[in-house]
Amino acid sequence: MVANVVMATLAIVFIVGASQKLRDLMSFEVAVEAYELLPLALVKPVAISLPVIELGAGIALLFGSTQTIAISVAAALLLVVTA
């Protein structure tokens, strides 16, 4: 029961975060570029792929059959964006 609530909450966080980035992709691209961690050629692909992966992980967290891989993807995303 508690695990399901935690998974659903985490899924909502990932889905809402991804949808906000995808709604204003240009601003997210500017934010990624502002960190100056990537070569300019990688800024746009990363700015597009991160929210798509985030959205996929959020949706996958909602289904028991995909939760294991979704947890791994979500953890990897958190490591990448917070490192």
Protein backbone atom coordinates (compact mmCIF):
# COMPACT_ATOMS: atom_id res chain seq x y z
CA MET A 1 0.00 0.00 0.00
CA VAL A 2 2.65 2.55 1.04
CA ALA A 3 4.86 1.48 -1.87
CA ASN A 4 2.03 2.15 -4.32
CA VAL A 5 1.49 5.63 -2.90
CA VAL A 6 5.22 6.36 -3.13
CA MET A 7 5.36 5.10 -6.74
CA ALA A 8 2.31 7.14 -7.72
CA THR A 9 3.71 10.27 -6.07
CA LEU A 10 7.07 9.85 -7.77
CA ALA A 11 5.31 9.21 -11.08
CA ILE A 12 3.34 12.44 -10.71
CA VAL A 13 6.53 14.38 -9.95
CA PHE A 14 8.24 13.01 -13.06
CA ILE A 15 5.20 13.45 -15.32
CA VAL A 16 4.50 17.02 -14.20
CA GLY A 17 8.19 17.96 -14.41
CA ALA A 18 8.50 16.51 -17.90
CA SER A 19 5.31 18.15 -19.13
CA GLN A 20 6.46 21.56 -17.91
CA LYS A 21 9.78 21.16 -19.72
CA LEU A 22 8.09 19.95 -22.90
CA ARG A 23 5.56 22.81 -22.84
CA ASP A 24 8.38 25.36 -22.91
CA LEU A 25 11.19 23.44 -24.55
CA MET A 26 13.00 26.59 -25.64
CA SER A 27 13.37 27.81 -22.05
CA PHE A 28 14.55 24.39 -20.94
CA GLU A 29 17.12 24.37 -23.73
CA VAL A 30 18.36 27.80 -22.58
CA ALA A 31 18.59 26.47 -19.01
CA VAL A 32 20.59 23.42 -20.12
CA GLU A 33 22.92 25.66 -22.11
CA ALA A 34 23.35 28.03 -19.15
CA TYR A 35 24.93 25.27 -17.06
CA GLU A 36 27.80 25.20 -19.59
CA LEU A 37 28.37 21.48 -18.98
CA LEU A 38 27.77 20.28 -22.52
CA PRO A 39 29.19 21.16 -25.90
CA LEU A 40 26.74 23.36 -27.80
CA ALA A 41 26.07 20.54 -30.28
CA LEU A 42 24.63 18.40 -27.46
CA VAL A 43 22.46 21.03 -25.77
CA LYS A 44 19.42 20.64 -28.04
CA PRO A 45 19.43 16.79 -28.12
CA VAL A 46 19.80 16.65 -24.34
CA ALA A 47 17.12 19.29 -23.81
CA ILE A 48 14.72 17.23 -25.92
CA SER A 49 15.63 13.77 -24.66
CA LEU A 50 15.71 14.45 -20.91
CA PRO A 51 12.03 15.39 -20.55
CA VAL A 52 10.98 12.59 -22.92
CA ILE A 53 12.87 10.05 -20.79
CA GLU A 54 11.49 11.68 -17.65
CA LEU A 55 7.94 11.38 -18.99
CA GLY A 56 8.49 7.75 -19.95
CA ALA A 57 9.87 6.93 -16.52
CA GLY A 58 6.93 8.66 -14.84
CA ILE A 59 4.39 6.74 -16.88
CA ALA A 60 6.27 3.45 -16.40
CA LEU A 61 6.26 3.96 -12.62
CA LEU A 62 2.47 3.66 -12.70
CA PHE A 63 2.48 0.05 -13.95
CA GLY A 64 3.70 -2.89 -11.90
CA SER A 65 5.17 -4.68 -14.91
CA THR A 66 7.47 -1.75 -15.73
CA GLN A 67 8.25 -0.40 -12.27
CA THR A 68 11.61 -2.14 -11.90
CA ILE A 69 13.10 -0.61 -15.04
CA ALA A 70 11.33 2.70 -14.33
CA ILE A 71 12.95 2.90 -10.89
CA SER A 72 16.37 2.38 -12.50
CA VAL A 73 15.72 5.03 -15.15
CA ALA A 74 14.34 7.47 -12.58
CA ALA A 75 17.37 6.95 -10.32
CA ALA A 76 19.73 7.47 -13.27
CA LEU A 77 17.91 10.67 -14.22
CA LEU A 78 18.15 11.98 -10.68
CA LEU A 79 21.87 11.20 -10.61
CA VAL A 80 22.44 12.94 -13.94
CA VAL A 81 20.52 16.11 -13.15
CA THR A 82 21.77 16.48 -9.58
CA ALA A 83 25.41 15.52 -10.02
